Amino acid sequence: MILLASPGQGAQSPGFLQPWLEIPGVADRLTWWSAVTGLDLVRFGTEADAEEIRDTAVAQPLLVAAALAAYEALYEDEPPEHRVPDAVAGHSVGELAAAAIAGVLSPEAALVLVRERGRAMADAAAVTETGMTAVLGGDADDVLASIDKHGLTPANVNGAGQIVAAGTMDRLADFADEPPAKARLRPLSVAGAFHTEHMAPAVDALRRLASGAPVAEPRTRLLQNRDGAVVDSGAGFVARLVEQVSTPVRWDACMDTMRDLGVTAIIELPPAGTLTGLARRELKGIDLVALKTPADLDKARELVKADRS
């Protein structure tokens, strides 16, 4: 059983889209999606520096477009009936790419929603100076207790010894001065405390927009970040997408579901590496392919063909 995984914000790096433009049709597709998002996705994915693509309003559409372009390239030689993975999941904003792959949203609808999501979250982040810090290692209970002690939120519970604390910068500074035992802290290159109460204004804005989005039922197993459950309602999944903006991401629960489903391989869409890294530590014995460049497509296609046979 193959699961496609789409990464979240922070996975992007300058120039990561450059090699993907060598695939015929990808540049044209990104040009079309640039019109949908109002952003020059080709430029942002090839020429922009780290600070430009750190901007939430840029990073989120860029990540979803990159994931969808790579998904189309992965299945380009397959007949339509074989272009659906056994399961799909996305981390944070990656859920919008997952929704499009599962057929809940069209690529264009997903990109409209992510365009507005990025703008709304950027506006919410501008109200108060907030941020996020990855906590690596340490006892999970001790880490969560320390996060709570400092008035922060465990915004991402990623499994494999990684929890992300989020909140105001002064509280994060106090947290850094008194870190949990045996844990390393790494500030993340994001513009705000995503998946916390600080994003409540973005939820309100997205709720008004999402109610009119054209939605279909998922055509494959679609995991969601709230508790890792498989969602069988398209409208229900979109509603969860909206609320998830201010709710912690439980990627650990998603990986538990992958284990329960019997997932045997994970293909991570670009900019890949983060989610396969977590799976390597948490889900032993499964095949992992991180689609960092088109050079990784052959191995991924071999997995797809082997799964179908």
Protein backbone atom coordinates (compact mmCIF):
# COMPACT_ATOMS: atom_id res chain seq x y z
CA MET A 1 0.00 0.00 0.00
CA ILE A 2 1.47 3.32 -1.11
CA LEU A 3 0.79 6.63 0.60
CA LEU A 4 1.66 9.99 -0.93
CA ALA A 5 2.70 12.59 1.63
CA SER A 6 2.81 16.35 1.10
CA PRO A 7 5.05 18.42 3.41
CA GLY A 8 4.21 21.60 5.26
CA GLN A 9 5.61 25.08 5.59
CA GLY A 10 9.28 25.28 6.43
CA ALA A 11 10.22 22.50 4.00
CA GLN A 12 10.88 24.99 1.18
CA SER A 13 14.39 26.11 0.26
CA PRO A 14 15.65 28.57 -2.38
CA GLY A 15 15.68 27.12 -5.89
CA PHE A 16 14.02 23.81 -5.01
CA LEU A 17 11.72 23.96 -8.04
CA GLN A 18 14.49 24.53 -10.59
CA PRO A 19 15.11 20.87 -11.59
CA TRP A 20 11.38 20.18 -11.90
CA LEU A 21 11.10 22.72 -14.71
CA GLU A 22 13.10 20.34 -16.90
CA ILE A 23 10.03 18.08 -17.12
CA PRO A 24 7.94 18.99 -20.17
CA GLY A 25 4.73 20.76 -19.22
CA VAL A 26 5.66 21.59 -15.62
CA ALA A 27 6.59 25.21 -16.36
CA ASP A 28 3.34 25.67 -18.30
CA ARG A 29 1.34 24.18 -15.45
CA LEU A 30 3.03 26.44 -12.92
CA THR A 31 2.41 29.45 -15.14
CA TRP A 32 -1.30 28.61 -15.16
CA TRP A 33 -1.32 28.15 -11.39
CA SER A 34 0.54 31.45 -11.04
CA ALA A 35 -2.48 33.11 -12.62
CA VAL A 36 -4.74 31.33 -10.11
CA THR A 37 -2.68 32.39 -7.09
CA GLY A 38 -1.58 35.81 -8.31
CA LEU A 39 2.04 34.84 -7.62
CA ASP A 40 4.94 34.15 -9.96
CA LEU A 41 5.43 30.60 -8.71
CA VAL A 42 8.22 29.86 -11.19
CA ARG A 43 10.27 32.80 -9.98
CA PHE A 44 9.59 32.11 -6.31
CA GLY A 45 10.56 28.47 -6.75
CA THR A 46 13.77 29.16 -8.68
CA GLU A 47 15.17 32.66 -8.08
CA ALA A 48 13.72 33.96 -4.81
CA ASP A 49 15.86 33.97 -1.68
CA ALA A 50 15.05 32.33 1.64
CA GLU A 51 13.44 35.46 3.10
CA GLU A 52 11.06 35.88 0.17
CA ILE A 53 9.79 32.30 0.34
CA ARG A 54 9.55 32.48 4.13
CA ASP A 55 6.59 34.84 3.62
CA THR A 56 3.52 32.79 4.54
CA ALA A 57 1.47 34.22 1.67
CA VAL A 58 4.15 33.00 -0.76
CA ALA A 59 5.33 29.79 0.86
CA GLN A 60 1.95 28.11 1.16
CA PRO A 61 0.81 28.38 -2.49
CA LEU A 62 4.34 27.50 -3.61
CA LEU A 63 4.36 24.30 -1.55
CA VAL A 64 0.96 23.13 -2.75
CA ALA A 65 1.77 23.89 -6.40
CA ALA A 66 5.10 22.05 -6.16
CA ALA A 67 3.47 18.98 -4.64
CA LEU A 68 0.73 18.87 -7.28
CA ALA A 69 3.19 19.35 -10.14
CA ALA A 70 5.32 16.45 -8.90
CA TYR A 71 2.24 14.27 -8.37
CA GLU A 72 1.22 14.84 -12.00
CA ALA A 73 4.76 14.06 -13.18
CA LEU A 74 4.83 10.85 -11.12
CA TYR A 75 1.70 9.49 -12.79
CA GLU A 76 2.05 11.08 -16.23
CA ASP A 77 2.47 7.74 -18.05
CA GLU A 78 -0.31 5.99 -16.15
CA PRO A 79 -3.91 5.65 -17.40
CA PRO A 80 -6.42 7.78 -15.46
CA GLU A 81 -7.70 4.85 -13.41
CA HIS A 82 -4.18 4.21 -12.08
CA ARG A 83 -3.39 7.78 -11.04
CA VAL A 84 -4.84 7.42 -7.57
CA PRO A 85 -2.57 6.35 -4.68
CA ASP A 86 -3.81 3.93 -2.02
CA ALA A 87 -3.75 6.72 0.56
CA VAL A 88 -2.71 10.34 0.88
CA ALA A 89 -1.86 12.71 3.72
CA GLY A 90 -0.49 16.22 4.07
CA HIS A 91 1.24 17.99 6.93
CA SER A 92 -0.44 21.34 7.72
CA VAL A 93 -0.72 23.25 4.41
CA GLY A 94 0.16 19.97 2.68
CA GLU A 95 -3.39 18.87 3.48
CA LEU A 96 -4.59 21.07 0.61
CA ALA A 97 -2.38 19.20 -1.85
CA ALA A 98 -3.63 15.93 -0.34
CA ALA A 99 -7.23 17.06 -0.82
CA ALA A 100 -6.59 17.75 -4.51
CA ILE A 101 -4.83 14.40 -5.05
CA ALA A 102 -7.75 12.64 -3.35
CA GLY A 103 -10.18 14.44 -5.67
CA VAL A 104 -11.92 16.39 -2.90
CA LEU A 105 -10.81 19.66 -4.49
CA SER A 106 -9.69 20.51 -8.01
CA PRO A 107 -6.11 21.78 -8.23
CA GLU A 108 -7.47 25.26 -8.92
CA ALA A 109 -9.85 25.17 -5.93
CA ALA A 110 -7.02 23.96 -3.69
CA LEU A 111 -4.81 26.80 -4.90
CA VAL A 112 -7.51 29.42 -4.36
CA LEU A 113 -7.99 28.17 -0.81
CA VAL A 114 -4.27 28.05 -0.12
CA ARG A 115 -3.84 31.53 -1.57
CA GLU A 116 -6.42 32.89 0.86
CA ARG A 117 -5.14 30.68 3.68
CA GLY A 118 -1.63 32.07 3.27
CA ARG A 119 -2.86 35.66 3.20
CA ALA A 120 -5.15 35.20 6.18
CA MET A 121 -2.47 33.48 8.24
CA ALA A 122 0.09 36.15 7.34
CA ASP A 123 -2.38 38.84 8.47
CA ALA A 124 -3.05 36.97 11.71
CA ALA A 125 0.68 36.52 12.32
CA ALA A 126 1.23 40.27 11.93
CA VAL A 127 -0.98 41.09 14.92
CA THR A 128 1.45 39.74 17.51
CA GLU A 129 5.10 38.77 17.19
CA THR A 130 4.99 34.98 17.39
CA GLY A 131 7.04 32.02 16.23
CA MET A 132 7.67 28.28 16.45
CA THR A 133 10.51 26.19 17.88
CA ALA A 134 11.15 22.52 17.19
CA VAL A 135 11.91 20.44 20.26
CA LEU A 136 14.05 17.45 19.35
CA GLY A 137 14.43 14.57 21.77
CA GLY A 138 13.67 14.51 25.46
CA ASP A 139 10.85 12.67 27.17
CA ALA A 140 7.58 13.51 25.43
CA ASP A 141 5.65 14.04 28.66
CA ASP A 142 8.41 16.29 30.03
CA VAL A 143 8.47 18.28 26.79
CA LEU A 144 4.70 18.79 26.79
CA ALA A 145 4.76 19.78 30.46
CA SER A 146 7.50 22.34 29.79
CA ILE A 147 5.62 23.76 26.80
CA ASP A 148 2.52 24.16 28.96
CA LYS A 149 4.53 25.69 31.81
CA HIS A 150 5.76 28.45 29.52
CA GLY A 151 2.29 29.24 28.15
CA LEU A 152 3.05 27.81 24.72
CA THR A 153 1.13 25.42 22.47
CA PRO A 154 2.37 22.05 21.11
CA ALA A 155 1.42 23.14 17.59
CA ASN A 156 2.91 20.09 15.84
CA VAL A 157 3.19 16.71 17.53
CA ASN A 158 5.19 15.01 14.83
CA GLY A 159 6.28 11.76 16.45
CA ALA A 160 9.80 10.34 16.23
CA GLY A 161 10.87 12.57 19.11
CA GLN A 162 9.80 15.88 17.57
CA ILE A 163 7.30 18.35 18.99
CA VAL A 164 6.96 21.97 17.88
CA ALA A 165 6.24 24.65 20.47
CA ALA A 166 4.52 27.84 19.32
CA GLY A 167 3.55 31.14 20.84
CA THR A 168 4.79 34.64 21.50
CA MET A 169 8.47 35.37 21.00
CA ASP A 170 9.02 36.39 24.63
CA ARG A 171 7.60 33.08 25.86
CA LEU A 172 9.69 31.18 23.32
CA ALA A 173 12.76 33.03 24.61
CA ASP A 174 11.95 31.99 28.18
CA PHE A 175 11.43 28.44 26.94
CA ALA A 176 14.86 28.51 25.29
CA ASP A 177 16.43 29.67 28.55
CA GLU A 178 14.87 26.72 30.39
CA PRO A 179 14.63 23.87 27.83
CA PRO A 180 13.27 20.41 28.67
CA ALA A 181 15.84 17.90 29.88
CA LYS A 182 17.79 16.07 27.17
CA ALA A 183 16.09 18.07 24.40
CA ARG A 184 17.53 20.28 21.66
CA LEU A 185 15.67 23.40 20.50
CA ARG A 186 15.69 24.67 16.92
CA PRO A 187 13.81 27.86 15.97
CA LEU A 188 11.84 27.39 12.75
CA SER A 189 11.86 29.72 9.76
CA VAL A 190 8.15 30.54 9.84
CA ALA A 191 6.37 33.85 10.21
CA GLY A 192 4.07 33.07 13.11
CA ALA A 193 2.57 30.67 15.63
CA PHE A 194 0.60 28.49 13.25
CA HIS A 195 -1.93 26.00 14.58
CA THR A 196 -2.50 28.00 17.75
CA GLU A 197 -5.09 30.45 19.07
CA HIS A 198 -3.12 33.24 17.35
CA MET A 199 -4.56 32.03 14.04
CA ALA A 200 -8.21 32.44 15.06
CA PRO A 201 -8.77 35.45 12.72
CA ALA A 202 -7.58 33.33 9.78
CA VAL A 203 -10.08 30.60 10.66
CA ASP A 204 -12.93 33.09 10.54
CA ALA A 205 -11.85 34.38 7.12
CA LEU A 206 -11.41 30.91 5.66
CA ARG A 207 -14.69 29.62 7.04
CA ARG A 208 -16.59 32.24 5.03
CA LEU A 209 -14.72 31.33 1.84
CA ALA A 210 -14.68 27.54 2.14
CA SER A 211 -18.44 27.22 2.46
CA GLY A 212 -18.74 27.95 -1.27
CA ALA A 213 -15.88 25.77 -2.50
CA PRO A 214 -16.78 23.02 -5.00
CA VAL A 215 -16.18 19.74 -3.15
CA ALA A 216 -16.33 16.04 -4.12
CA GLU A 217 -16.04 12.85 -2.09
CA PRO A 218 -12.51 11.45 -1.66
CA ARG A 219 -11.55 8.79 -4.19
CA THR A 220 -8.94 7.23 -1.88
CA ARG A 221 -8.06 7.03 1.81
CA LEU A 222 -7.50 10.60 2.99
CA LEU A 223 -5.91 11.15 6.39
CA GLN A 224 -6.39 14.37 8.31
CA ASN A 225 -4.23 16.17 10.83
CA ARG A 226 -6.66 16.56 13.73
CA ASP A 227 -6.35 12.96 14.92
CA GLY A 228 -4.98 11.02 11.95
CA ALA A 229 -8.34 9.50 11.07
CA VAL A 230 -9.35 8.57 7.52
CA VAL A 231 -12.07 10.98 6.36
CA ASP A 232 -14.76 9.76 3.97
CA SER A 233 -16.57 13.08 3.51
CA GLY A 234 -15.22 15.75 1.19
CA ALA A 235 -17.17 18.52 2.87
CA GLY A 236 -16.08 17.23 6.26
CA PHE A 237 -12.45 17.26 5.23
CA VAL A 238 -12.64 20.85 3.96
CA ALA A 239 -14.30 21.91 7.23
CA ARG A 240 -11.42 20.29 9.11
CA LEU A 241 -8.93 22.08 6.84
CA VAL A 242 -10.34 25.40 7.98
CA GLU A 243 -10.37 24.60 11.70
CA GLN A 244 -6.90 23.04 11.50
CA VAL A 245 -5.35 26.46 10.99
CA SER A 246 -5.69 27.12 14.73
CA THR A 247 -5.53 23.49 15.91
CA PRO A 248 -2.39 21.41 16.56
CA VAL A 249 -1.17 19.05 13.84
CA ARG A 250 -1.04 15.45 15.06
CA TRP A 251 1.33 13.91 12.52
CA ASP A 252 2.15 11.25 15.11
CA ALA A 253 -1.48 10.12 14.91
CA CYS A 254 -1.29 10.16 11.10
CA MET A 255 1.68 7.80 11.24
CA ASP A 256 -0.21 5.55 13.67
CA THR A 257 -2.99 5.34 11.10
CA MET A 258 -0.49 4.56 8.35
CA ARG A 259 0.75 1.66 10.46
CA ASP A 260 -2.81 0.44 11.11
CA LEU A 261 -3.68 0.64 7.40
CA GLY A 262 -0.66 -1.46 6.49
CA VAL A 263 1.15 1.21 4.46
CA THR A 264 4.22 -0.39 2.91
CA ALA A 265 5.68 2.64 1.11
CA ILE A 266 5.60 6.43 1.43
CA ILE A 267 6.43 8.74 -1.43
CA GLU A 268 6.98 12.30 -0.23
CA LEU A 269 6.25 15.06 -2.70
CA PRO A 270 8.60 18.05 -3.01
CA PRO A 271 10.13 19.79 -1.26
CA ALA A 272 10.70 16.33 0.19
CA GLY A 273 12.72 14.98 3.08
CA THR A 274 11.00 16.07 6.29
CA LEU A 275 8.16 13.53 6.37
CA THR A 276 10.21 10.61 5.09
CA GLY A 277 12.74 11.49 7.79
CA LEU A 278 10.06 11.15 10.47
CA ALA A 279 8.78 7.92 8.94
CA ARG A 280 12.28 6.46 8.82
CA ARG A 281 12.49 6.75 12.60
CA GLU A 282 8.88 5.85 13.39
CA LEU A 283 7.71 3.36 10.73
CA LYS A 284 10.38 0.72 10.46
CA GLY A 285 10.61 -1.57 7.46
CA ILE A 286 8.66 0.42 4.88
CA ASP A 287 9.96 1.77 1.59
CA LEU A 288 10.57 5.52 1.50
CA VAL A 289 11.14 7.80 -1.46
CA ALA A 290 11.69 11.54 -1.06
CA LEU A 291 11.03 13.24 -4.39
CA LYS A 292 13.68 15.92 -4.05
CA THR A 293 14.40 16.13 -7.80
CA PRO A 294 13.10 14.42 -10.94
CA ALA A 295 16.00 11.97 -10.59
CA ASP A 296 13.96 10.34 -7.81
CA LEU A 297 10.93 9.70 -10.02
CA ASP A 298 12.13 6.36 -11.43
CA LYS A 299 12.37 4.77 -8.00
CA ALA A 300 8.94 6.12 -7.06
CA ARG A 301 7.41 4.83 -10.30
CA GLU A 302 8.88 1.39 -9.62
CA LEU A 303 7.08 1.35 -6.28
CA VAL A 304 3.82 2.41 -7.92
CA LYS A 305 4.05 -0.34 -10.54
CA ALA A 306 5.03 -2.98 -7.99
CA ASP A 307 2.10 -1.99 -5.78
CA ARG A 308 -0.33 -2.34 -8.68
CA SER A 309 0.92 -5.75 -9.83
